[in-house]
PDB file of N, CA and C in Angstrom:
ATOM      1  N   UNK A   1    -118.617-113.785-141.649  1.00  0.00           N
ATOM      2  CA  UNK A   1    -118.515-112.976-142.257  1.00  0.00           C
ATOM      3  C   UNK A   1    -116.767-113.238-142.901  1.00  0.00           C
ATOM      4  N   UNK A   2    -116.241-112.086-143.522  1.00  0.00           N
ATOM      5  CA  UNK A   2    -115.083-113.078-143.812  1.00  0.00           C
ATOM      6  C   UNK A   2    -114.341-110.924-144.662  1.00  0.00           C
ATOM      7  N   UNK A   3    -113.782-111.097-144.218  1.00  0.00           N
ATOM      8  CA  UNK A   3    -112.688-109.463-143.867  1.00  0.00           C
ATOM      9  C   UNK A   3    -111.285-110.522-144.935  1.00  0.00           C
ATOM     10  N   UNK A   4    -111.196-109.141-146.283  1.00  0.00           N
ATOM     11  CA  UNK A   4    -109.846-109.430-146.614  1.00  0.00           C
ATOM     12  C   UNK A   4    -109.035-107.804-146.318  1.00  0.00           C
ATOM     13  N   UNK A   5    -107.939-108.752-146.110  1.00  0.00           N
ATOM     14  CA  UNK A   5    -106.488-107.413-145.768  1.00  0.00           C
ATOM     15  C   UNK A   5    -105.522-106.950-147.221  1.00  0.00           C
ATOM     16  N   UNK A   6    -105.803-106.123-147.561  1.00  0.00           N
ATOM     17  CA  UNK A   6    -104.646-106.437-148.705  1.00  0.00           C
ATOM     18  C   UNK A   6    -103.749-105.663-148.230  1.00  0.00           C
ATOM     19  N   UNK A   7    -102.155-105.927-149.277  1.00  0.00           N
ATOM     20  CA  UNK A   7    -100.919-104.616-148.860  1.00  0.00           C
ATOM     21  C   UNK A   7    -100.099-105.381-149.430  1.00  0.00           C
ATOM     22  N   UNK A   8     -99.231-104.449-150.254  1.00  0.00           N
ATOM     23  CA  UNK A   8     -98.278-104.863-151.525  1.00  0.00           C
ATOM     24  C   UNK A   8     -97.289-104.818-150.909  1.00  0.00           C
ATOM     25  N   UNK A   9     -96.758-104.853-149.459  1.00  0.00           N
ATOM     26  CA  UNK A   9     -95.560-104.412-148.806  1.00  0.00           C
ATOM     27  C   UNK A   9     -95.451-106.340-148.205  1.00  0.00           C
ATOM     28  N   UNK A  10     -94.995-106.709-148.718  1.00  0.00           N
ATOM     29  CA  UNK A  10     -94.075-108.035-148.635  1.00  0.00           C
ATOM     30  C   UNK A  10     -94.553-108.104-146.981  1.00  0.00           C
ATOM     31  N   UNK A  11     -93.003-108.132-146.322  1.00  0.00           N
ATOM     32  CA  UNK A  11     -92.957-107.124-144.833  1.00  0.00           C
ATOM     33  C   UNK A  11     -94.242-106.790-144.421  1.00  0.00           C
ATOM     34  N   UNK A  12     -95.079-105.986-144.169  1.00  0.00           N
ATOM     35  CA  UNK A  12     -96.612-105.957-143.408  1.00  0.00           C
ATOM     36  C   UNK A  12     -97.040-107.540-143.578  1.00  0.00           C
ATOM     37  N   UNK A  13     -97.546-107.752-144.345  1.00  0.00           N
ATOM     38  CA  UNK A  13     -97.754-109.456-144.951  1.00  0.00           C
ATOM     39  C   UNK A  13     -97.229-110.320-144.199  1.00  0.00           C
ATOM     40  N   UNK A  14     -95.948-110.455-144.073  1.00  0.00           N
ATOM     41  CA  UNK A  14     -95.638-111.588-142.591  1.00  0.00           C
ATOM     42  C   UNK A  14     -96.038-110.552-141.303  1.00  0.00           C
ATOM     43  N   UNK A  15     -95.810-109.913-141.268  1.00  0.00           N
ATOM     44  CA  UNK A  15     -96.202-108.783-139.672  1.00  0.00           C
ATOM     45  C   UNK A  15     -97.479-110.013-139.770  1.00  0.00           C
ATOM     46  N   UNK A  16     -98.563-109.328-140.538  1.00  0.00           N
ATOM     47  CA  UNK A  16     -99.390-108.854-140.203  1.00  0.00           C
ATOM     48  C   UNK A  16    -100.094-111.250-139.998  1.00  0.00           C
ATOM     49  N   UNK A  17     -99.293-111.449-140.908  1.00  0.00           N
ATOM     50  CA  UNK A  17    -100.171-113.261-140.745  1.00  0.00           C
ATOM     51  C   UNK A  17     -99.600-113.895-139.617  1.00  0.00           C
ATOM     52  N   UNK A  18     -98.341-113.082-139.321  1.00  0.00           N
ATOM     53  CA  UNK A  18     -97.759-113.646-138.049  1.00  0.00           C
ATOM     54  C   UNK A  18     -98.785-113.451-137.149  1.00  0.00           C
ATOM     55  N   UNK A  19     -99.293-112.267-136.167  1.00  0.00           N
ATOM     56  CA  UNK A  19     -99.771-111.749-135.917  1.00  0.00           C
ATOM     57  C   UNK A  19    -101.268-112.003-135.044  1.00  0.00           C
ATOM     58  N   UNK A  20    -101.529-112.639-136.503  1.00  0.00           N
ATOM     59  CA  UNK A  20    -102.733-113.444-136.830  1.00  0.00           C
ATOM     60  C   UNK A  20    -103.180-114.881-135.978  1.00  0.00           C
ATOM     61  N   UNK A  21    -101.557-115.349-136.542  1.00  0.00           N
ATOM     62  CA  UNK A  21    -101.749-116.710-136.175  1.00  0.00           C
ATOM     63  C   UNK A  21    -101.641-116.521-134.477  1.00  0.00           C
ATOM     64  N   UNK A  22    -101.084-115.681-134.101  1.00  0.00           N
ATOM     65  CA  UNK A  22    -100.047-116.209-132.827  1.00  0.00           C
ATOM     66  C   UNK A  22    -102.083-115.858-131.630  1.00  0.00           C
ATOM     67  N   UNK A  23    -102.821-114.664-132.630  1.00  0.00           N
ATOM     68  CA  UNK A  23    -104.614-114.880-132.020  1.00  0.00           C
ATOM     69  C   UNK A  23    -105.200-115.256-132.109  1.00  0.00           C
ATOM     70  N   UNK A  24    -104.494-116.629-132.550  1.00  0.00           N
ATOM     71  CA  UNK A  24    -105.522-117.780-132.976  1.00  0.00           C
ATOM     72  C   UNK A  24    -106.316-116.999-133.730  1.00  0.00           C
ATOM     73  N   UNK A  25    -106.757-116.420-134.775  1.00  0.00           N
ATOM     74  CA  UNK A  25    -107.571-116.263-135.732  1.00  0.00           C
ATOM     75  C   UNK A  25    -107.367-117.236-137.324  1.00  0.00           C
ATOM     76  N   UNK A  26    -108.326-117.226-137.636  1.00  0.00           N
ATOM     77  CA  UNK A  26    -108.445-118.635-138.557  1.00  0.00           C
ATOM     78  C   UNK A  26    -108.464-116.934-140.025  1.00  0.00           C
ATOM     79  N   UNK A  27    -107.473-117.954-141.197  1.00  0.00           N
ATOM     80  CA  UNK A  27    -107.358-117.139-142.335  1.00  0.00           C
ATOM     81  C   UNK A  27    -106.681-117.883-143.389  1.00  0.00           C
ATOM     82  N   UNK A  28    -106.905-116.883-144.114  1.00  0.00           N
ATOM     83  CA  UNK A  28    -106.202-117.499-145.680  1.00  0.00           C
ATOM     84  C   UNK A  28    -105.619-116.537-146.483  1.00  0.00           C
ATOM     85  N   UNK A  29    -103.801-116.879-146.690  1.00  0.00           N
ATOM     86  CA  UNK A  29    -103.304-115.836-147.275  1.00  0.00           C
ATOM     87  C   UNK A  29    -103.204-116.256-148.579  1.00  0.00           C
ATOM     88  N   UNK A  30    -102.923-114.864-149.544  1.00  0.00           N
ATOM     89  CA  UNK A  30    -103.193-115.571-150.770  1.00  0.00           C
ATOM     90  C   UNK A  30    -102.549-113.668-151.551  1.00  0.00           C
ATOM     91  N   UNK A  31    -102.257-114.286-152.750  1.00  0.00           N
ATOM     92  CA  UNK A  31    -101.536-113.665-153.845  1.00  0.00           C
ATOM     93  C   UNK A  31    -102.548-112.843-154.976  1.00  0.00           C
ATOM     94  N   UNK A  32    -102.326-111.708-154.676  1.00  0.00           N
ATOM     95  CA  UNK A  32    -103.652-110.119-155.432  1.00  0.00           C
ATOM     96  C   UNK A  32    -103.244-109.799-156.090  1.00  0.00           C
ATOM     97  N   UNK A  33    -102.583-109.708-157.591  1.00  0.00           N
ATOM     98  CA  UNK A  33    -102.556-108.720-158.696  1.00  0.00           C
ATOM     99  C   UNK A  33    -101.537-107.458-158.306  1.00  0.00           C
ATOM    100  N   UNK A  34    -100.511-108.081-157.413  1.00  0.00           N
ATOM    101  CA  UNK A  34     -98.958-108.130-157.440  1.00  0.00           C
ATOM    102  C   UNK A  34     -99.357-107.074-155.884  1.00  0.00           C
ATOM    103  N   UNK A  35     -99.784-107.860-155.186  1.00  0.00           N
ATOM    104  CA  UNK A  35     -99.874-107.746-153.538  1.00  0.00           C
ATOM    105  C   UNK A  35    -100.812-108.716-153.506  1.00  0.00           C
ATOM    106  N   UNK A  36    -100.500-108.769-151.734  1.00  0.00           N
ATOM    107  CA  UNK A  36    -100.341-109.880-150.501  1.00  0.00           C
ATOM    108  C   UNK A  36    -102.130-109.950-150.147  1.00  0.00           C
ATOM    109  N   UNK A  37    -102.620-110.750-150.108  1.00  0.00           N
ATOM    110  CA  UNK A  37    -104.269-110.881-149.416  1.00  0.00           C
ATOM    111  C   UNK A  37    -104.197-111.830-148.617  1.00  0.00           C
ATOM    112  N   UNK A  38    -104.712-111.460-146.950  1.00  0.00           N
ATOM    113  CA  UNK A  38    -104.738-112.726-145.777  1.00  0.00           C
ATOM    114  C   UNK A  38    -106.723-112.175-146.025  1.00  0.00           C
ATOM    115  N   UNK A  39    -107.323-113.421-145.648  1.00  0.00           N
ATOM    116  CA  UNK A  39    -108.718-113.099-145.508  1.00  0.00           C
ATOM    117  C   UNK A  39    -108.575-113.386-144.468  1.00  0.00           C
ATOM    118  N   UNK A  40    -109.868-113.126-143.549  1.00  0.00           N
ATOM    119  CA  UNK A  40    -110.142-113.425-142.256  1.00  0.00           C
ATOM    120  C   UNK A  40    -111.149-114.056-142.039  1.00  0.00           C
ATOM    121  N   UNK A  41    -111.328-115.053-141.578  1.00  0.00           N
ATOM    122  CA  UNK A  41    -112.461-115.646-141.472  1.00  0.00           C
ATOM    123  C   UNK A  41    -113.452-115.918-139.781  1.00  0.00           C
ATOM    124  N   UNK A  42    -115.020-115.994-140.322  1.00  0.00           N
ATOM    125  CA  UNK A  42    -115.614-116.345-139.208  1.00  0.00           C
ATOM    126  C   UNK A  42    -115.447-115.269-137.757  1.00  0.00           C
ATOM    127  N   UNK A  43    -115.211-113.807-137.954  1.00  0.00           N
ATOM    128  CA  UNK A  43    -115.936-112.997-137.080  1.00  0.00           C
ATOM    129  C   UNK A  43    -116.706-112.088-137.366  1.00  0.00           C
ATOM    130  N   UNK A  44    -117.260-111.157-136.046  1.00  0.00           N
ATOM    131  CA  UNK A  44    -118.541-110.416-136.439  1.00  0.00           C
ATOM    132  C   UNK A  44    -117.697-109.289-136.843  1.00  0.00           C
ATOM    133  N   UNK A  45    -118.585-108.514-136.786  1.00  0.00           N
ATOM    134  CA  UNK A  45    -118.119-107.235-137.335  1.00  0.00           C
ATOM    135  C   UNK A  45    -117.766-106.329-136.426  1.00  0.00           C
ATOM    136  N   UNK A  46    -117.608-106.355-135.040  1.00  0.00           N
ATOM    137  CA  UNK A  46    -116.916-105.480-133.975  1.00  0.00           C
ATOM    138  C   UNK A  46    -115.796-106.406-133.848  1.00  0.00           C
ATOM    139  N   UNK A  47    -116.194-107.887-133.829  1.00  0.00           N
ATOM    140  CA  UNK A  47    -114.426-108.934-133.579  1.00  0.00           C
ATOM    141  C   UNK A  47    -113.407-108.186-134.195  1.00  0.00           C
ATOM    142  N   UNK A  48    -114.104-108.112-135.913  1.00  0.00           N
ATOM    143  CA  UNK A  48    -112.898-106.777-137.068  1.00  0.00           C
ATOM    144  C   UNK A  48    -112.980-106.479-136.722  1.00  0.00           C
ATOM    145  N   UNK A  49    -113.446-105.294-135.930  1.00  0.00           N
ATOM    146  CA  UNK A  49    -113.097-103.827-136.310  1.00  0.00           C
ATOM    147  C   UNK A  49    -112.143-103.632-134.692  1.00  0.00           C
ATOM    148  N   UNK A  50    -112.317-104.209-133.365  1.00  0.00           N
ATOM    149  CA  UNK A  50    -111.281-104.149-132.838  1.00  0.00           C
ATOM    150  C   UNK A  50    -109.808-105.295-132.966  1.00  0.00           C
ATOM    151  N   UNK A  51    -110.693-106.054-134.071  1.00  0.00           N
ATOM    152  CA  UNK A  51    -109.557-106.466-134.055  1.00  0.00           C
ATOM    153  C   UNK A  51    -108.462-105.866-134.633  1.00  0.00           C
ATOM    154  N   UNK A  52    -109.047-105.086-135.732  1.00  0.00           N
ATOM    155  CA  UNK A  52    -108.055-103.739-136.712  1.00  0.00           C
ATOM    156  C   UNK A  52    -107.700-103.015-136.546  1.00  0.00           C
ATOM    157  N   UNK A  53    -108.102-102.133-135.313  1.00  0.00           N
ATOM    158  CA  UNK A  53    -107.625-101.631-134.081  1.00  0.00           C
ATOM    159  C   UNK A  53    -106.516-102.128-133.613  1.00  0.00           C
ATOM    160  N   UNK A  54    -105.941-102.787-133.240  1.00  0.00           N
ATOM    161  CA  UNK A  54    -105.833-103.390-132.018  1.00  0.00           C
ATOM    162  C   UNK A  54    -103.973-103.928-132.984  1.00  0.00           C
ATOM    163  N   UNK A  55    -104.584-104.328-133.939  1.00  0.00           N
ATOM    164  CA  UNK A  55    -103.476-104.205-135.099  1.00  0.00           C
ATOM    165  C   UNK A  55    -102.822-102.999-135.702  1.00  0.00           C
ATOM    166  N   UNK A  56    -103.778-102.019-135.535  1.00  0.00           N
ATOM    167  CA  UNK A  56    -103.005-100.454-135.833  1.00  0.00           C
ATOM    168  C   UNK A  56    -102.256-100.120-134.850  1.00  0.00           C
ATOM    169  N   UNK A  57    -102.724-100.594-133.761  1.00  0.00           N
ATOM    170  CA  UNK A  57    -101.892 -99.941-132.125  1.00  0.00           C
ATOM    171  C   UNK A  57    -100.470-100.294-132.595  1.00  0.00           C
ATOM    172  N   UNK A  58    -100.981-102.218-132.916  1.00  0.00           N
ATOM    173  CA  UNK A  58     -99.678-103.398-132.514  1.00  0.00           C
ATOM    174  C   UNK A  58     -98.743-102.836-134.078  1.00  0.00           C
ATOM    175  N   UNK A  59     -99.039-102.233-134.575  1.00  0.00           N
ATOM    176  CA  UNK A  59     -97.625-102.464-135.325  1.00  0.00           C
ATOM    177  C   UNK A  59     -97.522-100.380-136.189  1.00  0.00           C
ATOM    178  N   UNK A  60     -97.826 -99.432-134.924  1.00  0.00           N
ATOM    179  CA  UNK A  60     -97.983 -98.648-134.806  1.00  0.00           C
ATOM    180  C   UNK A  60     -97.917 -97.797-135.946  1.00  0.00           C
ATOM    181  N   UNK A  61     -99.351 -97.804-136.748  1.00  0.00           N
ATOM    182  CA  UNK A  61     -99.344 -97.463-137.963  1.00  0.00           C
ATOM    183  C   UNK A  61     -99.908 -95.697-138.122  1.00  0.00           C
ATOM    184  N   UNK A  62     -98.871 -95.313-138.206  1.00  0.00           N
ATOM    185  CA  UNK A  62     -99.832 -93.560-139.064  1.00  0.00           C
ATOM    186  C   UNK A  62    -100.208 -93.761-139.827  1.00  0.00           C
ATOM    187  N   UNK A  63    -101.350 -92.373-139.751  1.00  0.00           N
ATOM    188  CA  UNK A  63    -102.854 -92.131-140.922  1.00  0.00           C
ATOM    189  C   UNK A  63    -101.921 -92.837-142.941  1.00  0.00           C
ATOM    190  N   UNK A  64    -100.336 -92.692-142.415  1.00  0.00           N
ATOM    191  CA  UNK A  64     -99.574 -92.555-143.787  1.00  0.00           C
ATOM    192  C   UNK A  64     -99.175 -94.566-144.052  1.00  0.00           C
ATOM    193  N   UNK A  65     -99.397 -95.030-142.560  1.00  0.00           N
ATOM    194  CA  UNK A  65     -98.612 -96.002-143.525  1.00  0.00           C
ATOM    195  C   UNK A  65     -99.891 -97.466-143.272  1.00  0.00           C
ATOM    196  N   UNK A  66    -100.976 -97.038-142.884  1.00  0.00           N
ATOM    197  CA  UNK A  66    -101.939 -97.639-142.451  1.00  0.00           C
ATOM    198  C   UNK A  66    -102.831 -98.205-144.213  1.00  0.00           C
ATOM    199  N   UNK A  67    -102.484 -98.609-144.990  1.00  0.00           N
ATOM    200  CA  UNK A  67    -102.203 -99.646-146.426  1.00  0.00           C
ATOM    201  C   UNK A  67    -103.521-100.282-145.919  1.00  0.00           C
ATOM    202  N   UNK A  68    -102.789-102.157-145.175  1.00  0.00           N
ATOM    203  CA  UNK A  68    -103.323-102.342-144.792  1.00  0.00           C
ATOM    204  C   UNK A  68    -104.099-102.679-144.457  1.00  0.00           C
ATOM    205  N   UNK A  69    -104.127-101.614-142.963  1.00  0.00           N
ATOM    206  CA  UNK A  69    -105.755-101.858-142.709  1.00  0.00           C
ATOM    207  C   UNK A  69    -107.114-100.427-143.562  1.00  0.00           C
ATOM    208  N   UNK A  70    -106.842 -99.960-144.718  1.00  0.00           N
ATOM    209  CA  UNK A  70    -107.384 -98.940-145.400  1.00  0.00           C
ATOM    210  C   UNK A  70    -107.946 -99.964-145.961  1.00  0.00           C
ATOM    211  N   UNK A  71    -107.175-100.962-146.779  1.00  0.00           N
ATOM    212  CA  UNK A  71    -107.736-101.909-148.243  1.00  0.00           C
ATOM    213  C   UNK A  71    -108.684-102.972-147.290  1.00  0.00           C
ATOM    214  N   UNK A  72    -109.161-103.312-146.367  1.00  0.00           N
ATOM    215  CA  UNK A  72    -109.640-103.790-145.177  1.00  0.00           C
ATOM    216  C   UNK A  72    -111.460-103.689-146.319  1.00  0.00           C
ATOM    217  N   UNK A  73    -111.842-105.343-146.333  1.00  0.00           N
ATOM    218  CA  UNK A  73    -112.821-104.763-147.189  1.00  0.00           C
ATOM    219  C   UNK A  73    -114.114-106.198-146.338  1.00  0.00           C
TER     220      UNK A  73
END
């Protein structure tokens, strides 16, 4: 299963990319029409949900700042 996280913030893109690299998660960075995207591979739905919840806590994202997670498809 593949999941894509998109954000318009270069800062969040770099932070998420570094976080995923440190967690040894296989992903591919890309640019997507004025935004940045990270496609995560080889995770089940449960693992993906767990990872997104951990990222929310790690980056101290409030509901207004959850753009990268809200755009995860």
